C-alpha atoms as a PDB file:
ATOM      1  CA  MET A   1      -0.012   0.007   0.013  1.00  0.00           C
ATOM      2  CA  THR A   2       2.749   2.406   0.898  1.00  0.00           C
ATOM      3  CA  ARG A   3       4.720   1.617  -2.272  1.00  0.00           C
ATOM      4  CA  ASN A   4       1.584   2.292  -4.326  1.00  0.00           C
ATOM      5  CA  ARG A   5       1.114   5.708  -2.695  1.00  0.00           C
ATOM      6  CA  SER A   6       4.758   6.552  -3.412  1.00  0.00           C
ATOM      7  CA  ARG A   7       4.457   5.422  -7.067  1.00  0.00           C
ATOM      8  CA  ASP A   8       1.392   7.627  -7.417  1.00  0.00           C
ATOM      9  CA  CYS A   9       3.389  10.600  -6.099  1.00  0.00           C
ATOM     10  CA  VAL A  10       5.973  10.177  -8.846  1.00  0.00           C
ATOM     11  CA  GLN A  11       3.326   9.865 -11.601  1.00  0.00           C
ATOM     12  CA  MET A  12       1.296  12.869 -10.655  1.00  0.00           C
ATOM     13  CA  GLY A  13       4.217  15.248 -10.145  1.00  0.00           C
ATOM     14  CA  LEU A  14       2.672  18.239  -8.459  1.00  0.00           C
ATOM     15  CA  SER A  15      -0.843  17.976  -9.686  1.00  0.00           C
ATOM     16  CA  LYS A  16      -2.146  17.215  -6.212  1.00  0.00           C
ATOM     17  CA  LEU A  17       0.695  18.488  -4.092  1.00  0.00           C
ATOM     18  CA  LYS A  18       0.160  21.887  -2.441  1.00  0.00           C
ATOM     19  CA  GLY A  19       3.363  23.879  -1.824  1.00  0.00           C
ATOM     20  CA  LEU A  20       6.875  22.938  -0.831  1.00  0.00           C
ATOM     21  CA  SER A  21       5.711  21.261   2.369  1.00  0.00           C
ATOM     22  CA  ALA A  22       3.917  18.581   0.315  1.00  0.00           C
ATOM     23  CA  ILE A  23       7.005  18.140  -1.846  1.00  0.00           C
ATOM     24  CA  ARG A  24       9.109  17.605   1.238  1.00  0.00           C
ATOM     25  CA  ARG A  25       6.645  14.987   2.501  1.00  0.00           C
ATOM     26  CA  CYS A  26       6.798  13.166  -0.826  1.00  0.00           C
ATOM     27  CA  VAL A  27      10.622  13.171  -0.770  1.00  0.00           C
ATOM     28  CA  ALA A  28      10.725  11.922   2.793  1.00  0.00           C
ATOM     29  CA  GLN A  29       8.299   9.155   1.995  1.00  0.00           C
ATOM     30  CA  HIS A  30      10.528   7.959  -0.882  1.00  0.00           C
ATOM     31  CA  LEU A  31      13.624   8.088   1.202  1.00  0.00           C
ATOM     32  CA  ARG A  32      11.978   5.694   3.677  1.00  0.00           C
ATOM     33  CA  VAL A  33      10.365   3.362   1.160  1.00  0.00           C
ATOM     34  CA  LEU A  34      11.921   3.423  -2.306  1.00  0.00           C
ATOM     35  CA  GLY A  35      15.330   4.890  -1.857  1.00  0.00           C
ATOM     36  CA  PHE A  36      17.302   7.581  -3.714  1.00  0.00           C
ATOM     37  CA  GLY A  37      16.381   6.632  -7.292  1.00  0.00           C
ATOM     38  CA  ALA A  38      12.659   7.081  -6.734  1.00  0.00           C
ATOM     39  CA  THR A  39      13.316  10.243  -4.745  1.00  0.00           C
ATOM     40  CA  LEU A  40      15.073  11.750  -7.757  1.00  0.00           C
ATOM     41  CA  SER A  41      12.144  10.775  -9.981  1.00  0.00           C
ATOM     42  CA  CYS A  42       9.788  12.615  -7.654  1.00  0.00           C
ATOM     43  CA  LEU A  43      12.018  15.756  -7.743  1.00  0.00           C
ATOM     44  CA  LEU A  44      12.218  15.627 -11.538  1.00  0.00           C
ATOM     45  CA  ALA A  45       8.429  15.575 -11.699  1.00  0.00           C
ATOM     46  CA  ILE A  46       8.301  19.051 -10.139  1.00  0.00           C
ATOM     47  CA  PRO A  47       7.557  21.602 -12.893  1.00  0.00           C
ATOM     48  CA  PRO A  48       9.983  24.551 -13.214  1.00  0.00           C
ATOM     49  CA  ALA A  49       7.313  27.087 -12.142  1.00  0.00           C
ATOM     50  CA  ALA A  50       7.137  25.410  -8.706  1.00  0.00           C
ATOM     51  CA  GLN A  51      10.855  25.469  -8.108  1.00  0.00           C
ATOM     52  CA  ALA A  52      12.313  28.209  -5.872  1.00  0.00           C
ATOM     53  CA  LYS A  53      13.120  31.453  -7.656  1.00  0.00           C
ATOM     54  CA  ASP A  54      15.949  33.861  -6.826  1.00  0.00           C
ATOM     55  CA  THR A  55      14.706  36.825  -4.787  1.00  0.00           C
ATOM     56  CA  LEU A  56      15.555  40.223  -6.195  1.00  0.00           C
ATOM     57  CA  ILE A  57      15.563  42.971  -3.505  1.00  0.00           C
ATOM     58  CA  TRP A  58      14.676  46.453  -4.802  1.00  0.00           C
ATOM     59  CA  LEU A  59      16.175  49.259  -2.715  1.00  0.00           C
ATOM     60  CA  LEU A  60      13.843  52.246  -2.418  1.00  0.00           C
ATOM     61  CA  ARG A  61      14.743  55.680  -1.044  1.00  0.00           C
ATOM     62  CA  ASP A  62      12.376  58.480  -0.232  1.00  0.00           C
ATOM     63  CA  LEU A  63      13.370  60.560  -3.272  1.00  0.00           C
ATOM     64  CA  PRO A  64      10.501  62.672  -4.642  1.00  0.00           C
ATOM     65  CA  PRO A  65       9.433  62.809  -7.401  1.00  0.00           C
ATOM     66  CA  LEU A  66      10.944  59.419  -8.052  1.00  0.00           C
ATOM     67  CA  THR A  67       9.721  57.586  -4.985  1.00  0.00           C
ATOM     68  CA  ILE A  68       7.398  59.068  -2.419  1.00  0.00           C
ATOM     69  CA  PHE A  69       6.931  57.339   0.950  1.00  0.00           C
ATOM     70  CA  ASP A  70       4.474  59.713   2.654  1.00  0.00           C
ATOM     71  CA  GLY A  71       2.082  62.597   2.044  1.00  0.00           C
ATOM     72  CA  PRO A  72      -0.873  63.173  -0.271  1.00  0.00           C
ATOM     73  CA  GLN A  73       1.116  61.882  -3.298  1.00  0.00           C
ATOM     74  CA  LYS A  74       2.411  58.751  -1.614  1.00  0.00           C
ATOM     75  CA  SER A  75       3.363  56.017  -4.100  1.00  0.00           C
ATOM     76  CA  GLN A  76       2.714  58.336  -7.077  1.00  0.00           C
ATOM     77  CA  GLY A  77       6.326  58.945  -7.987  1.00  0.00           C
ATOM     78  CA  VAL A  78       8.045  58.070 -11.232  1.00  0.00           C
ATOM     79  CA  ILE A  79       9.601  54.835  -9.903  1.00  0.00           C
ATOM     80  CA  ASP A  80       6.569  54.052  -7.720  1.00  0.00           C
ATOM     81  CA  ARG A  81       4.513  53.763 -10.916  1.00  0.00           C
ATOM     82  CA  PHE A  82       7.123  52.173 -13.115  1.00  0.00           C
ATOM     83  CA  LEU A  83       8.526  49.494 -10.788  1.00  0.00           C
ATOM     84  CA  PRO A  84       5.372  47.310 -10.846  1.00  0.00           C
ATOM     85  CA  VAL A  85       5.586  47.261 -14.654  1.00  0.00           C
ATOM     86  CA  LEU A  86       9.282  46.321 -14.480  1.00  0.00           C
ATOM     87  CA  ILE A  87       8.648  43.591 -11.942  1.00  0.00           C
ATOM     88  CA  ALA A  88       5.811  42.102 -14.050  1.00  0.00           C
ATOM     89  CA  SER A  89       8.265  41.948 -16.952  1.00  0.00           C
ATOM     90  CA  MET A  90      10.716  39.863 -14.893  1.00  0.00           C
ATOM     91  CA  PRO A  91       8.686  36.824 -13.764  1.00  0.00           C
ATOM     92  CA  GLU A  92      11.803  34.661 -13.431  1.00  0.00           C
ATOM     93  CA  TYR A  93      12.441  36.267 -10.057  1.00  0.00           C
ATOM     94  CA  GLN A  94      10.638  36.713  -6.760  1.00  0.00           C
ATOM     95  CA  HIS A  95      10.604  40.457  -6.006  1.00  0.00           C
ATOM     96  CA  THR A  96      10.609  42.279  -2.753  1.00  0.00           C
ATOM     97  CA  THR A  97      11.190  45.989  -1.859  1.00  0.00           C
ATOM     98  CA  PHE A  98      13.229  47.365   1.010  1.00  0.00           C
ATOM     99  CA  ARG A  99      13.243  50.998   2.161  1.00  0.00           C
ATOM    100  CA  VAL A 100      16.677  52.407   2.799  1.00  0.00           C
ATOM    101  CA  ASN A 101      18.513  55.690   3.127  1.00  0.00           C
ATOM    102  CA  ARG A 102      21.334  56.427   0.698  1.00  0.00           C
ATOM    103  CA  ALA A 103      24.148  55.133   2.965  1.00  0.00           C
ATOM    104  CA  ARG A 104      22.374  51.835   3.730  1.00  0.00           C
ATOM    105  CA  GLY A 105      21.423  51.377   0.109  1.00  0.00           C
ATOM    106  CA  MET A 106      25.019  51.718  -1.114  1.00  0.00           C
ATOM    107  CA  GLN A 107      26.181  49.324   1.599  1.00  0.00           C
ATOM    108  CA  MET A 108      23.741  46.651   0.392  1.00  0.00           C
ATOM    109  CA  LEU A 109      24.612  47.157  -3.266  1.00  0.00           C
ATOM    110  CA  LEU A 110      28.289  46.647  -2.488  1.00  0.00           C
ATOM    111  CA  GLU A 111      27.607  43.386  -0.617  1.00  0.00           C
ATOM    112  CA  PRO A 112      27.608  40.013  -2.424  1.00  0.00           C
ATOM    113  CA  SER A 113      23.845  39.965  -2.595  1.00  0.00           C
ATOM    114  CA  PHE A 114      21.040  40.192  -5.187  1.00  0.00           C
ATOM    115  CA  THR A 115      19.909  43.809  -4.797  1.00  0.00           C
ATOM    116  CA  CYS A 116      19.064  46.495  -7.341  1.00  0.00           C
ATOM    117  CA  ASP A 117      18.417  50.247  -7.126  1.00  0.00           C
ATOM    118  CA  PRO A 118      15.920  51.566  -9.688  1.00  0.00           C
ATOM    119  CA  SER A 119      17.352  55.136  -9.675  1.00  0.00           C
ATOM    120  CA  LEU A 120      21.096  55.636  -9.402  1.00  0.00           C
ATOM    121  CA  LEU A 121      23.600  58.046 -10.920  1.00  0.00           C
ATOM    122  CA  TRP A 122      26.667  56.470 -12.601  1.00  0.00           C
ATOM    123  CA  SER A 123      30.122  57.299 -11.292  1.00  0.00           C
ATOM    124  CA  PRO A 124      33.500  55.738 -12.005  1.00  0.00           C
ATOM    125  CA  GLU A 125      34.021  54.692  -8.388  1.00  0.00           C
ATOM    126  CA  ARG A 126      30.592  53.052  -8.128  1.00  0.00           C
ATOM    127  CA  ALA A 127      30.990  51.289 -11.441  1.00  0.00           C
ATOM    128  CA  LYS A 128      33.972  49.380 -10.041  1.00  0.00           C
ATOM    129  CA  HIS A 129      31.636  47.487  -7.706  1.00  0.00           C
ATOM    130  CA  ILE A 130      28.114  47.903  -9.131  1.00  0.00           C
ATOM    131  CA  THR A 131      26.716  46.876 -12.526  1.00  0.00           C
ATOM    132  CA  TYR A 132      24.618  49.494 -14.367  1.00  0.00           C
ATOM    133  CA  SER A 133      21.896  49.442 -16.993  1.00  0.00           C
ATOM    134  CA  ILE A 134      21.834  51.725 -19.964  1.00  0.00           C
ATOM    135  CA  ALA A 135      20.395  55.180 -19.261  1.00  0.00           C
ATOM    136  CA  ALA A 136      16.838  54.675 -18.097  1.00  0.00           C
ATOM    137  CA  TYR A 137      15.668  58.264 -18.226  1.00  0.00           C
ATOM    138  CA  ARG A 138      16.876  61.860 -17.763  1.00  0.00           C
ATOM    139  CA  VAL A 139      16.304  64.327 -14.931  1.00  0.00           C
ATOM    140  CA  LEU A 140      17.028  67.957 -14.515  1.00  0.00           C
ATOM    141  CA  GLY A 141      20.498  68.437 -12.983  1.00  0.00           C
ATOM    142  CA  ASN A 142      21.361  69.396  -9.429  1.00  0.00           C
ATOM    143  CA  GLY A 143      21.583  72.986  -8.398  1.00  0.00           C
ATOM    144  CA  ILE A 144      21.923  75.359  -5.441  1.00  0.00           C
ATOM    145  CA  VAL A 145      18.801  76.365  -3.508  1.00  0.00           C
ATOM    146  CA  ILE A 146      18.673  79.373  -1.202  1.00  0.00           C
ATOM    147  CA  ARG A 147      16.030  81.322   0.645  1.00  0.00           C
ATOM    148  CA  HIS A 148      15.126  84.742  -0.808  1.00  0.00           C
ATOM    149  CA  ALA A 149      16.435  86.229   2.406  1.00  0.00           C
ATOM    150  CA  ASP A 150      19.906  84.738   1.720  1.00  0.00           C
ATOM    151  CA  ARG A 151      20.218  85.944  -1.823  1.00  0.00           C
ATOM    152  CA  GLY A 152      22.828  88.576  -0.815  1.00  0.00           C
ATOM    153  CA  ALA A 153      25.077  85.898   0.616  1.00  0.00           C
ATOM    154  CA  LEU A 154      25.023  83.986  -2.671  1.00  0.00           C
ATOM    155  CA  ALA A 155      25.193  86.981  -5.002  1.00  0.00           C
ATOM    156  CA  PRO A 156      29.039  87.145  -5.274  1.00  0.00           C
ATOM    157  CA  PHE A 157      29.106  83.555  -6.619  1.00  0.00           C
ATOM    158  CA  ILE A 158      26.358  83.946  -9.277  1.00  0.00           C
ATOM    159  CA  ILE A 159      27.590  84.311 -12.856  1.00  0.00           C
ATOM    160  CA  ASP A 160      25.018  84.357 -15.736  1.00  0.00           C
ATOM    161  CA  ASN A 161      22.354  83.008 -13.392  1.00  0.00           C
ATOM    162  CA  SER A 162      24.430  79.971 -12.325  1.00  0.00           C
ATOM    163  CA  VAL A 163      26.554  79.442  -9.246  1.00  0.00           C
ATOM    164  CA  ASP A 164      30.339  79.057  -9.207  1.00  0.00           C
ATOM    165  CA  LEU A 165      30.302  76.157  -6.751  1.00  0.00           C
ATOM    166  CA  ALA A 166      34.089  75.992  -6.422  1.00  0.00           C
ATOM    167  CA  GLN A 167      34.201  79.576  -5.256  1.00  0.00           C
ATOM    168  CA  LEU A 168      31.298  79.126  -2.908  1.00  0.00           C
ATOM    169  CA  LEU A 169      32.959  76.112  -1.231  1.00  0.00           C
ATOM    170  CA  ALA A 170      36.195  78.014  -0.856  1.00  0.00           C
ATOM    171  CA  HIS A 171      34.481  80.414   1.551  1.00  0.00           C
ATOM    172  CA  GLN A 172      34.322  78.413   4.691  1.00  0.00           C
ATOM    173  CA  ASP A 173      31.808  80.779   6.276  1.00  0.00           C
ATOM    174  CA  LYS A 174      29.262  79.667   3.668  1.00  0.00           C
ATOM    175  CA  LYS A 175      27.745  76.378   4.749  1.00  0.00           C
ATOM    176  CA  LEU A 176      26.335  74.134   2.059  1.00  0.00           C
ATOM    177  CA  GLY A 177      23.906  71.325   2.979  1.00  0.00           C
ATOM    178  CA  VAL A 178      24.288  67.939   1.255  1.00  0.00           C
ATOM    179  CA  VAL A 179      22.820  64.462   1.706  1.00  0.00           C
ATOM    180  CA  ALA A 180      25.557  62.042   2.883  1.00  0.00           C
ATOM    181  CA  GLU A 181      26.633  59.301   0.535  1.00  0.00           C
ATOM    182  CA  ARG A 182      24.697  60.786  -2.393  1.00  0.00           C
ATOM    183  CA  SER A 183      26.334  61.324  -5.771  1.00  0.00           C
ATOM    184  CA  TYR A 184      25.560  64.639  -7.376  1.00  0.00           C
ATOM    185  CA  GLY A 185      27.281  63.877 -10.693  1.00  0.00           C
ATOM    186  CA  GLN A 186      30.954  63.672 -11.553  1.00  0.00           C
ATOM    187  CA  VAL A 187      31.687  67.371 -11.787  1.00  0.00           C
ATOM    188  CA  VAL A 188      29.995  68.260  -8.517  1.00  0.00           C
ATOM    189  CA  ASP A 189      31.300  65.178  -6.695  1.00  0.00           C
ATOM    190  CA  ARG A 190      34.880  66.185  -7.479  1.00  0.00           C
ATOM    191  CA  LEU A 191      34.277  69.694  -6.130  1.00  0.00           C
ATOM    192  CA  LEU A 192      32.731  68.323  -2.943  1.00  0.00           C
ATOM    193  CA  GLN A 193      35.664  65.952  -2.400  1.00  0.00           C
ATOM    194  CA  ARG A 194      38.087  68.862  -2.525  1.00  0.00           C
ATOM    195  CA  ALA A 195      35.996  71.194  -0.422  1.00  0.00           C
ATOM    196  CA  PRO A 196      37.078  72.189   3.103  1.00  0.00           C
ATOM    197  CA  SER A 197      35.226  69.903   5.498  1.00  0.00           C
ATOM    198  CA  ASN A 198      33.798  72.804   7.453  1.00  0.00           C
ATOM    199  CA  SER A 199      32.158  74.237   4.349  1.00  0.00           C
ATOM    200  CA  LEU A 200      29.812  71.238   4.122  1.00  0.00           C
ATOM    201  CA  SER A 201      27.005  69.969   6.331  1.00  0.00           C
ATOM    202  CA  ALA A 202      26.327  66.354   5.396  1.00  0.00           C
ATOM    203  CA  HIS A 203      23.166  64.829   6.821  1.00  0.00           C
ATOM    204  CA  TYR A 204      22.335  61.102   7.107  1.00  0.00           C
ATOM    205  CA  GLY A 205      19.030  59.441   7.822  1.00  0.00           C
ATOM    206  CA  ASN A 206      15.791  58.730   6.013  1.00  0.00           C
ATOM    207  CA  ASP A 207      14.689  62.374   6.149  1.00  0.00           C
ATOM    208  CA  ALA A 208      18.034  63.936   5.454  1.00  0.00           C
ATOM    209  CA  LEU A 209      16.781  66.602   3.021  1.00  0.00           C
ATOM    210  CA  GLY A 210      13.876  67.535   5.297  1.00  0.00           C
ATOM    211  CA  SER A 211      16.319  68.095   8.127  1.00  0.00           C
ATOM    212  CA  LEU A 212      18.587  70.189   5.956  1.00  0.00           C
ATOM    213  CA  LEU A 213      15.631  72.387   4.917  1.00  0.00           C
ATOM    214  CA  GLN A 214      14.860  73.016   8.572  1.00  0.00           C
ATOM    215  CA  MET A 215      18.508  73.870   9.235  1.00  0.00           C
ATOM    216  CA  GLN A 216      18.373  76.319   6.371  1.00  0.00           C
ATOM    217  CA  ARG A 217      15.201  77.860   7.724  1.00  0.00           C
ATOM    218  CA  LEU A 218      16.946  78.396  11.065  1.00  0.00           C
ATOM    219  CA  GLY A 219      19.904  80.106   9.354  1.00  0.00           C
ATOM    220  CA  ARG A 220      22.379  77.315  10.049  1.00  0.00           C
ATOM    221  CA  LEU A 221      22.974  76.734   6.288  1.00  0.00           C
ATOM    222  CA  THR A 222      23.600  79.236   3.510  1.00  0.00           C
ATOM    223  CA  ALA A 223      22.351  76.949   0.716  1.00  0.00           C
ATOM    224  CA  LEU A 224      21.322  73.428  -0.176  1.00  0.00           C
ATOM    225  CA  LEU A 225      22.559  71.186  -2.973  1.00  0.00           C
ATOM    226  CA  GLY A 226      19.999  69.062  -4.770  1.00  0.00           C
ATOM    227  CA  TYR A 227      17.312  68.525  -7.421  1.00  0.00           C
ATOM    228  CA  TRP A 228      14.800  71.318  -7.644  1.00  0.00           C
ATOM    229  CA  PRO A 229      11.679  69.078  -7.972  1.00  0.00           C
ATOM    230  CA  GLU A 230      12.723  67.067  -4.948  1.00  0.00           C
ATOM    231  CA  ILE A 231      13.529  70.134  -2.834  1.00  0.00           C
ATOM    232  CA  ARG A 232      10.171  71.766  -3.761  1.00  0.00           C
ATOM    233  CA  TYR A 233       8.290  68.669  -2.748  1.00  0.00           C
ATOM    234  CA  GLN A 234      10.212  68.169   0.532  1.00  0.00           C
ATOM    235  CA  ALA A 235       9.830  71.872   1.410  1.00  0.00           C
ATOM    236  CA  GLN A 236       6.050  71.528   1.238  1.00  0.00           C
ATOM    237  CA  GLN A 237       6.213  68.513   3.539  1.00  0.00           C
ATOM    238  CA  GLN A 238       8.166  70.647   6.015  1.00  0.00           C
ATOM    239  CA  GLY A 239       5.643  73.460   5.908  1.00  0.00           C
ATOM    240  CA  ILE A 240       7.932  75.669   3.812  1.00  0.00           C
ATOM    241  CA  SER A 241       6.482  77.369   0.765  1.00  0.00           C
ATOM    242  CA  PRO A 242       8.582  76.723  -2.380  1.00  0.00           C
ATOM    243  CA  ASP A 243       7.947  80.344  -3.236  1.00  0.00           C
ATOM    244  CA  GLU A 244      10.366  81.239  -0.410  1.00  0.00           C
ATOM    245  CA  LEU A 245      13.171  79.475  -2.225  1.00  0.00           C
ATOM    246  CA  GLU A 246      15.306  80.145  -5.319  1.00  0.00           C
ATOM    247  CA  PHE A 247      17.069  77.625  -7.517  1.00  0.00           C
ATOM    248  CA  TYR A 248      20.337  78.178  -9.438  1.00  0.00           C
ATOM    249  CA  ALA A 249      22.099  75.830 -11.781  1.00  0.00           C
ATOM    250  CA  ILE A 250      25.723  74.989 -11.122  1.00  0.00           C
ATOM    251  CA  ARG A 251      28.254  76.537 -13.474  1.00  0.00           C
ATOM    252  CA  GLY A 252      29.986  73.971 -15.680  1.00  0.00           C
ATOM    253  CA  THR A 253      27.431  71.168 -15.276  1.00  0.00           C
ATOM    254  CA  ASP A 254      24.964  69.675 -17.769  1.00  0.00           C
ATOM    255  CA  LYS A 255      21.353  70.663 -17.836  1.00  0.00           C
ATOM    256  CA  TYR A 256      20.284  67.020 -17.439  1.00  0.00           C
ATOM    257  CA  GLN A 257      21.618  63.875 -15.761  1.00  0.00           C
ATOM    258  CA  SER A 258      21.061  60.314 -16.799  1.00  0.00           C
ATOM    259  CA  ILE A 259      19.522  57.961 -14.211  1.00  0.00           C
ATOM    260  CA  HIS A 260      20.292  54.240 -14.352  1.00  0.00           C
ATOM    261  CA  ILE A 261      19.014  51.028 -12.778  1.00  0.00           C
ATOM    262  CA  ALA A 262      21.931  49.405 -10.907  1.00  0.00           C
ATOM    263  CA  CYS A 263      22.423  45.988  -9.297  1.00  0.00           C
ATOM    264  CA  SER A 264      25.018  44.304  -7.137  1.00  0.00           C
ATOM    265  CA  ASP A 265      27.952  43.147  -9.276  1.00  0.00           C
ATOM    266  CA  THR A 266      27.277  39.459  -8.953  1.00  0.00           C
ATOM    267  CA  GLU A 267      26.261  36.841 -11.560  1.00  0.00           C
ATOM    268  CA  GLN A 268      22.638  37.316 -10.526  1.00  0.00           C
ATOM    269  CA  GLY A 269      22.916  41.087 -10.733  1.00  0.00           C
ATOM    270  CA  ARG A 270      24.560  41.020 -14.165  1.00  0.00           C
ATOM    271  CA  GLN A 271      21.963  38.643 -15.533  1.00  0.00           C
ATOM    272  CA  ALA A 272      19.161  40.948 -14.199  1.00  0.00           C
ATOM    273  CA  ILE A 273      20.731  43.992 -15.832  1.00  0.00           C
ATOM    274  CA  THR A 274      20.838  42.208 -19.198  1.00  0.00           C
ATOM    275  CA  HIS A 275      17.092  41.599 -18.950  1.00  0.00           C
ATOM    276  CA  ILE A 276      16.480  45.187 -17.656  1.00  0.00           C
ATOM    277  CA  ASN A 277      18.286  46.609 -20.660  1.00  0.00           C
ATOM    278  CA  THR A 278      15.960  44.760 -23.011  1.00  0.00           C
ATOM    279  CA  ILE A 279      12.965  46.222 -21.230  1.00  0.00           C
ATOM    280  CA  LEU A 280      14.404  49.732 -21.332  1.00  0.00           C
ATOM    281  CA  ARG A 281      15.153  49.504 -25.004  1.00  0.00           C
ATOM    282  CA  GLY A 282      11.546  48.567 -25.510  1.00  0.00           C
ATOM    283  CA  PRO A 283       8.881  50.872 -24.071  1.00  0.00           C
ATOM    284  CA  GLY A 284      10.680  51.348 -20.753  1.00  0.00           C
ATOM    285  CA  GLN A 285      12.634  54.558 -21.540  1.00  0.00           C
ATOM    286  CA  THR A 286       9.658  56.205 -23.179  1.00  0.00           C
ATOM    287  CA  ARG A 287       7.414  55.456 -20.247  1.00  0.00           C
ATOM    288  CA  LEU A 288       9.922  56.722 -17.657  1.00  0.00           C
ATOM    289  CA  VAL A 289      10.487  59.950 -19.561  1.00  0.00           C
ATOM    290  CA  GLU A 290       6.716  60.556 -19.751  1.00  0.00           C
ATOM    291  CA  LEU A 291       6.283  59.899 -16.015  1.00  0.00           C
ATOM    292  CA  TYR A 292       9.057  62.306 -15.069  1.00  0.00           C
ATOM    293  CA  ALA A 293       7.755  65.021 -17.395  1.00  0.00           C
ATOM    294  CA  GLN A 294       4.462  65.025 -15.474  1.00  0.00           C
ATOM    295  CA  TRP A 295       6.330  66.456 -12.471  1.00  0.00           C
ATOM    296  CA  LEU A 296       7.721  69.463 -14.362  1.00  0.00           C
ATOM    297  CA  ASP A 297       6.200  72.902 -14.751  1.00  0.00           C
ATOM    298  CA  PRO A 298       4.138  73.089 -18.008  1.00  0.00           C
ATOM    299  CA  GLN A 299       6.592  75.548 -19.580  1.00  0.00           C
ATOM    300  CA  MET A 300       9.511  73.161 -18.924  1.00  0.00           C
ATOM    301  CA  ARG A 301       7.689  69.972 -19.855  1.00  0.00           C
ATOM    302  CA  SER A 302       7.665  70.268 -23.653  1.00  0.00           C
ATOM    303  CA  GLU A 303      11.311  71.294 -23.755  1.00  0.00           C
ATOM    304  CA  TYR A 304      12.312  68.367 -21.539  1.00  0.00           C
ATOM    305  CA  LEU A 305      10.345  65.846 -23.650  1.00  0.00           C
ATOM    306  CA  GLU A 306      11.978  67.066 -26.849  1.00  0.00           C
ATOM    307  CA  ASP A 307      15.442  67.051 -25.299  1.00  0.00           C
ATOM    308  CA  ALA A 308      14.901  63.534 -23.953  1.00  0.00           C
ATOM    309  CA  ARG A 309      13.698  62.231 -27.360  1.00  0.00           C
ATOM    310  CA  LYS A 310      16.803  63.664 -29.022  1.00  0.00           C
ATOM    311  CA  PHE A 311      19.120  62.165 -26.367  1.00  0.00           C
ATOM    312  CA  PHE A 312      17.709  58.630 -26.571  1.00  0.00           C
ATOM    313  CA  ARG A 313      17.438  58.760 -30.378  1.00  0.00           C
ATOM    314  CA  ASN A 314      21.137  59.596 -30.647  1.00  0.00           C
ATOM    315  CA  GLU A 315      22.276  57.182 -27.891  1.00  0.00           C
ATOM    316  CA  THR A 316      24.326  54.162 -29.028  1.00  0.00           C
ATOM    317  CA  PRO A 317      22.118  51.017 -28.995  1.00  0.00           C
END
């Protein structure tokens, strides 16, 4: 009787087994009754869909307008809306999301794990240890944000409506707020690395930018470094009207920056990036550009869309 039940288990595969616990019971039964050969037959009967999949961990930061954790527009950011589409296009993996700050996210990406960040700037240092996708979409570049009341303090460093960041950082009485562990692009990163330590105020934590905005409001910072759409959004969350703030581009930097999807530099991570590149070359880039454009002022939106179309049209396949 027992041998008959075991033989039935081999023949039916998983048609009547429910979950991995049933599979384990089948295997254990064969080990006791039929031995290793029949156990292998039972395992081979398991269809591929029921076998364990690798788990891809998506690292998410509170980075409006890309990802929004709280507030009236929670989960309505660019990546919030695109990630479910990306996940659905990668059924070969189990997917899970994990909320991190910038420092913790970089730590996890550098570990021998299977983690990916859906919105990361490329840098030479990072590329030594992280594998990147092709450009996923474009965003307006970083700049300097001040309060109207502090315009006089910034005036000596403004040339043709952009800020000479190197000169600003050289004046150690002018404090610039930055988010710790964040890359602001190669040009700006080099300037920050050479800056006197007491000219910078680097803030860690999940609400780093919100804390920096409050420090600026209290007069403890001259200016902030960051993306204008993100700072506008975070200012509103802190009860600060964006109309109280002014944004200036940084002299010598590009108008736009390319954002990539990046994964840990492991075999799993590299395989995932190969699949992600295929998705991006399909409708992915177009969809991401459209989602980002919705966050721009109407007068900036059409220019951005045209510039993005030209960039991706001319990009090497």
